[in-house]
C-alpha atoms as a PDB file:
ATOM      1  CA  MET A   1       4.236   4.781  14.076  1.00  0.00           C
ATOM      2  CA  ARG A   2       3.479   7.125  17.016  1.00  0.00           C
ATOM      3  CA  SER A   3      -0.202   7.996  17.617  1.00  0.00           C
ATOM      4  CA  GLY A   4      -1.357  11.390  16.101  1.00  0.00           C
ATOM      5  CA  GLN A   5       0.755  11.002  13.009  1.00  0.00           C
ATOM      6  CA  PRO A   6      -1.087  10.608   9.766  1.00  0.00           C
ATOM      7  CA  ARG A   7      -0.631   7.000   8.372  1.00  0.00           C
ATOM      8  CA  ASP A   8       1.191   6.987   5.122  1.00  0.00           C
ATOM      9  CA  PRO A   9      -1.230   5.106   2.655  1.00  0.00           C
ATOM     10  CA  SER A  10       1.746   3.569   0.619  1.00  0.00           C
ATOM     11  CA  ASP A  11       2.596   1.618   3.643  1.00  0.00           C
ATOM     12  CA  SER A  12      -0.370  -0.813   2.981  1.00  0.00           C
ATOM     13  CA  LEU A  13       0.250  -1.281  -0.773  1.00  0.00           C
ATOM     14  CA  LEU A  14       1.163  -4.752  -1.723  1.00  0.00           C
ATOM     15  CA  ALA A  15       1.825  -6.351  -5.155  1.00  0.00           C
ATOM     16  CA  ARG A  16       1.258  -9.916  -5.722  1.00  0.00           C
ATOM     17  CA  PRO A  17       0.965 -12.482  -8.384  1.00  0.00           C
ATOM     18  CA  ILE A  18      -2.555 -13.562  -9.364  1.00  0.00           C
ATOM     19  CA  PRO A  19      -2.585 -17.510 -10.111  1.00  0.00           C
ATOM     20  CA  ALA A  20      -4.539 -18.430 -13.119  1.00  0.00           C
ATOM     21  CA  GLY A  21      -8.287 -18.910 -12.693  1.00  0.00           C
ATOM     22  CA  PRO A  22     -11.145 -16.954 -11.345  1.00  0.00           C
ATOM     23  CA  GLY A  23      -9.164 -14.654  -9.338  1.00  0.00           C
ATOM     24  CA  ARG A  24      -8.058 -12.993 -12.704  1.00  0.00           C
ATOM     25  CA  LEU A  25     -11.520 -11.926 -13.399  1.00  0.00           C
ATOM     26  CA  PRO A  26     -11.250  -8.446 -11.635  1.00  0.00           C
ATOM     27  CA  ILE A  27      -7.995  -7.898 -13.434  1.00  0.00           C
ATOM     28  CA  ARG A  28      -9.814  -8.708 -16.755  1.00  0.00           C
ATOM     29  CA  HIS A  29     -12.524  -6.114 -15.866  1.00  0.00           C
ATOM     30  CA  LEU A  30      -9.824  -3.492 -14.839  1.00  0.00           C
ATOM     31  CA  LEU A  31      -8.197  -3.917 -18.594  1.00  0.00           C
ATOM     32  CA  VAL A  32     -11.629  -3.747 -20.381  1.00  0.00           C
ATOM     33  CA  GLY A  33     -12.334  -0.712 -18.228  1.00  0.00           C
ATOM     34  CA  ASN A  34      -9.003   0.773 -19.493  1.00  0.00           C
ATOM     35  CA  GLY A  35      -9.814   0.457 -23.300  1.00  0.00           C
ATOM     36  CA  VAL A  36      -8.495  -3.088 -23.918  1.00  0.00           C
ATOM     37  CA  ASP A  37     -11.005  -5.065 -25.970  1.00  0.00           C
ATOM     38  CA  ALA A  38     -12.620  -8.248 -24.239  1.00  0.00           C
ATOM     39  CA  THR A  39     -11.149 -10.910 -26.256  1.00  0.00           C
ATOM     40  CA  THR A  40      -7.507  -9.601 -25.931  1.00  0.00           C
ATOM     41  CA  ALA A  41      -8.222  -8.929 -22.144  1.00  0.00           C
ATOM     42  CA  THR A  42      -9.229 -12.610 -21.641  1.00  0.00           C
ATOM     43  CA  ARG A  43      -6.315 -13.785 -23.826  1.00  0.00           C
ATOM     44  CA  TRP A  44      -3.726 -11.875 -21.724  1.00  0.00           C
ATOM     45  CA  CYS A  45      -5.401 -13.030 -18.417  1.00  0.00           C
ATOM     46  CA  ALA A  46      -5.265 -16.671 -19.418  1.00  0.00           C
ATOM     47  CA  ALA A  47      -1.723 -16.682 -20.922  1.00  0.00           C
ATOM     48  CA  GLY A  48       0.179 -13.823 -19.234  1.00  0.00           C
ATOM     49  CA  ASP A  49       2.054 -13.375 -15.810  1.00  0.00           C
ATOM     50  CA  VAL A  50      -0.385 -11.107 -13.830  1.00  0.00           C
ATOM     51  CA  PHE A  51       0.158  -9.108 -10.974  1.00  0.00           C
ATOM     52  CA  ALA A  52      -1.951  -6.722  -8.976  1.00  0.00           C
ATOM     53  CA  LEU A  53      -1.476  -3.967  -6.354  1.00  0.00           C
ATOM     54  CA  PHE A  54      -3.661  -4.077  -3.431  1.00  0.00           C
ATOM     55  CA  ASP A  55      -4.500  -1.778  -0.433  1.00  0.00           C
ATOM     56  CA  LEU A  56      -4.178  -4.153   2.545  1.00  0.00           C
ATOM     57  CA  ALA A  57      -5.862  -1.298   4.782  1.00  0.00           C
ATOM     58  CA  ALA A  58      -8.830  -0.414   2.421  1.00  0.00           C
ATOM     59  CA  ASP A  59     -12.333  -1.548   3.162  1.00  0.00           C
ATOM     60  CA  ARG A  60     -12.308  -4.004   0.147  1.00  0.00           C
ATOM     61  CA  SER A  61      -8.490  -5.126   0.214  1.00  0.00           C
ATOM     62  CA  ASP A  62      -9.395  -7.549  -2.514  1.00  0.00           C
ATOM     63  CA  ALA A  63     -10.120  -4.770  -5.118  1.00  0.00           C
ATOM     64  CA  PRO A  64      -7.053  -4.399  -7.365  1.00  0.00           C
ATOM     65  CA  LEU A  65      -5.841  -0.781  -7.656  1.00  0.00           C
ATOM     66  CA  ALA A  66      -3.522  -1.505 -10.411  1.00  0.00           C
ATOM     67  CA  ALA A  67      -2.564  -4.540 -12.528  1.00  0.00           C
ATOM     68  CA  ALA A  68       0.429  -5.537 -14.853  1.00  0.00           C
ATOM     69  CA  ILE A  69       0.170  -8.399 -17.406  1.00  0.00           C
ATOM     70  CA  LEU A  70       3.471  -9.613 -18.639  1.00  0.00           C
ATOM     71  CA  GLY A  71       4.131 -12.069 -21.775  1.00  0.00           C
ATOM     72  CA  HIS A  72       6.845 -14.370 -21.522  1.00  0.00           C
ATOM     73  CA  PRO A  73       8.396 -15.026 -24.848  1.00  0.00           C
ATOM     74  CA  ASP A  74      11.219 -16.978 -23.066  1.00  0.00           C
ATOM     75  CA  ALA A  75      12.564 -18.070 -19.753  1.00  0.00           C
ATOM     76  CA  ASP A  76      14.936 -14.978 -19.274  1.00  0.00           C
ATOM     77  CA  THR A  77      12.563 -12.204 -20.632  1.00  0.00           C
ATOM     78  CA  ARG A  78       9.097 -10.733 -19.864  1.00  0.00           C
ATOM     79  CA  THR A  79       7.165  -8.243 -22.230  1.00  0.00           C
ATOM     80  CA  VAL A  80       4.718  -5.940 -20.699  1.00  0.00           C
ATOM     81  CA  LEU A  81       1.477  -6.352 -22.198  1.00  0.00           C
ATOM     82  CA  ALA A  82      -0.384  -3.848 -20.212  1.00  0.00           C
ATOM     83  CA  VAL A  83      -0.161  -1.846 -16.910  1.00  0.00           C
ATOM     84  CA  VAL A  84      -3.366  -0.409 -15.768  1.00  0.00           C
ATOM     85  CA  ARG A  85      -5.028   1.320 -13.024  1.00  0.00           C
ATOM     86  CA  ALA A  86      -8.567   1.624 -11.192  1.00  0.00           C
ATOM     87  CA  HIS A  87      -7.860   5.273 -10.282  1.00  0.00           C
ATOM     88  CA  ASP A  88      -5.988   8.262 -11.631  1.00  0.00           C
ATOM     89  CA  GLY A  89      -2.436   8.522 -10.451  1.00  0.00           C
ATOM     90  CA  ALA A  90       0.758   7.239 -12.201  1.00  0.00           C
ATOM     91  CA  GLN A  91       2.235   6.593  -8.469  1.00  0.00           C
ATOM     92  CA  LEU A  92       0.214   3.474  -8.522  1.00  0.00           C
ATOM     93  CA  GLU A  93       1.838   2.176 -11.677  1.00  0.00           C
ATOM     94  CA  ARG A  94       5.285   2.925 -10.403  1.00  0.00           C
ATOM     95  CA  ARG A  95       4.499   1.299  -7.053  1.00  0.00           C
ATOM     96  CA  LEU A  96       3.035  -1.735  -8.719  1.00  0.00           C
ATOM     97  CA  LEU A  97       6.116  -2.052 -11.197  1.00  0.00           C
ATOM     98  CA  GLY A  98       8.714  -1.330  -8.640  1.00  0.00           C
ATOM     99  CA  GLN A  99       7.414  -4.251  -6.621  1.00  0.00           C
ATOM    100  CA  VAL A 100       6.679  -6.346  -9.865  1.00  0.00           C
ATOM    101  CA  LEU A 101      10.632  -6.167 -10.792  1.00  0.00           C
ATOM    102  CA  SER A 102      11.685  -7.374  -7.360  1.00  0.00           C
ATOM    103  CA  LEU A 103       9.298 -10.486  -7.779  1.00  0.00           C
ATOM    104  CA  LEU A 104      10.741 -11.048 -11.093  1.00  0.00           C
ATOM    105  CA  ARG A 105      14.643 -10.850  -9.941  1.00  0.00           C
ATOM    106  CA  ALA A 106      13.657 -13.228  -7.406  1.00  0.00           C
ATOM    107  CA  ARG A 107      12.196 -15.631  -9.945  1.00  0.00           C
ATOM    108  CA  GLY A 108      15.438 -15.197 -12.159  1.00  0.00           C
ATOM    109  CA  VAL A 109      14.060 -13.242 -14.960  1.00  0.00           C
ATOM    110  CA  ARG A 110      16.898 -11.211 -16.790  1.00  0.00           C
ATOM    111  CA  SER A 111      14.918  -8.550 -18.472  1.00  0.00           C
ATOM    112  CA  LEU A 112      11.578  -6.624 -19.176  1.00  0.00           C
ATOM    113  CA  VAL A 113      10.629  -5.185 -22.290  1.00  0.00           C
ATOM    114  CA  VAL A 114       7.795  -2.612 -23.278  1.00  0.00           C
ATOM    115  CA  ASP A 115       6.551  -1.369 -26.550  1.00  0.00           C
ATOM    116  CA  SER A 116       6.242   2.334 -26.123  1.00  0.00           C
ATOM    117  CA  ARG A 117       4.786   3.362 -29.769  1.00  0.00           C
ATOM    118  CA  THR A 118       1.467   3.865 -28.105  1.00  0.00           C
ATOM    119  CA  MET A 119       2.721   5.531 -24.758  1.00  0.00           C
ATOM    120  CA  ASP A 120       2.000   9.184 -24.086  1.00  0.00           C
ATOM    121  CA  ALA A 121       5.244  11.140 -22.817  1.00  0.00           C
ATOM    122  CA  GLU A 122       4.353  11.103 -19.089  1.00  0.00           C
ATOM    123  CA  ARG A 123       3.993   7.272 -19.075  1.00  0.00           C
ATOM    124  CA  ARG A 124       7.210   6.731 -21.301  1.00  0.00           C
ATOM    125  CA  ALA A 125       9.228   8.935 -18.610  1.00  0.00           C
ATOM    126  CA  GLY A 126       7.548   6.798 -15.885  1.00  0.00           C
ATOM    127  CA  PHE A 127       9.109   3.676 -17.391  1.00  0.00           C
ATOM    128  CA  GLN A 128      12.370   5.549 -17.926  1.00  0.00           C
ATOM    129  CA  ALA A 129      12.316   6.704 -14.316  1.00  0.00           C
ATOM    130  CA  LEU A 130      12.479   2.870 -13.230  1.00  0.00           C
ATOM    131  CA  GLY A 131      15.429   2.253 -15.412  1.00  0.00           C
ATOM    132  CA  PHE A 132      14.033   1.228 -18.914  1.00  0.00           C
ATOM    133  CA  ARG A 133      16.182   2.297 -21.733  1.00  0.00           C
ATOM    134  CA  PRO A 134      15.471   2.347 -25.583  1.00  0.00           C
ATOM    135  CA  VAL A 135      16.344  -0.765 -27.316  1.00  0.00           C
ATOM    136  CA  PRO A 136      18.804   0.156 -29.673  1.00  0.00           C
ATOM    137  CA  ALA A 137      17.344  -1.663 -32.879  1.00  0.00           C
ATOM    138  CA  GLY A 138      14.200   0.109 -32.225  1.00  0.00           C
ATOM    139  CA  ALA A 139      14.748   3.170 -29.876  1.00  0.00           C
ATOM    140  CA  SER A 140      11.652   4.862 -30.737  1.00  0.00           C
ATOM    141  CA  GLU A 141       9.509   1.781 -30.245  1.00  0.00           C
ATOM    142  CA  ARG A 142      10.616  -0.261 -27.241  1.00  0.00           C
ATOM    143  CA  LEU A 143      12.065   0.216 -23.892  1.00  0.00           C
ATOM    144  CA  ARG A 144      14.301  -2.452 -22.018  1.00  0.00           C
ATOM    145  CA  LEU A 145      15.164  -2.874 -18.528  1.00  0.00           C
ATOM    146  CA  GLU A 146      18.050  -5.315 -17.434  1.00  0.00           C
ATOM    147  CA  LEU A 147      17.157  -6.902 -14.085  1.00  0.00           C
END
């Protein structure tokens, strides 16, 4: 980048998996702050695959901007349990999910499913923009992405 040009803030955003343990506590707090009850947040953080989006250029690069918690009903499929963000902006969720999809492909996961019953239209459109499509058996309730 040439001097004098503004830095693109998305250049420093990085999604990474969060291993089980105390590193997931900020994710649990983020879930609870977004309306997930504490018991469910604790269970998801203990059993799910947890990914978080960080801004490496921020003053506190250890504070997650967004998080995705995925269940794993089988070896080939992951289920989106929650996607939450610390700040307004669906772009954070899209950026996180885009990077998580790349990580899942590298791990050999073949599909990702999300329950869309309680989603608002904007969030549902965001998942569809990433390539998620209605599951034929429950088109109004679940979206699926083949990786």
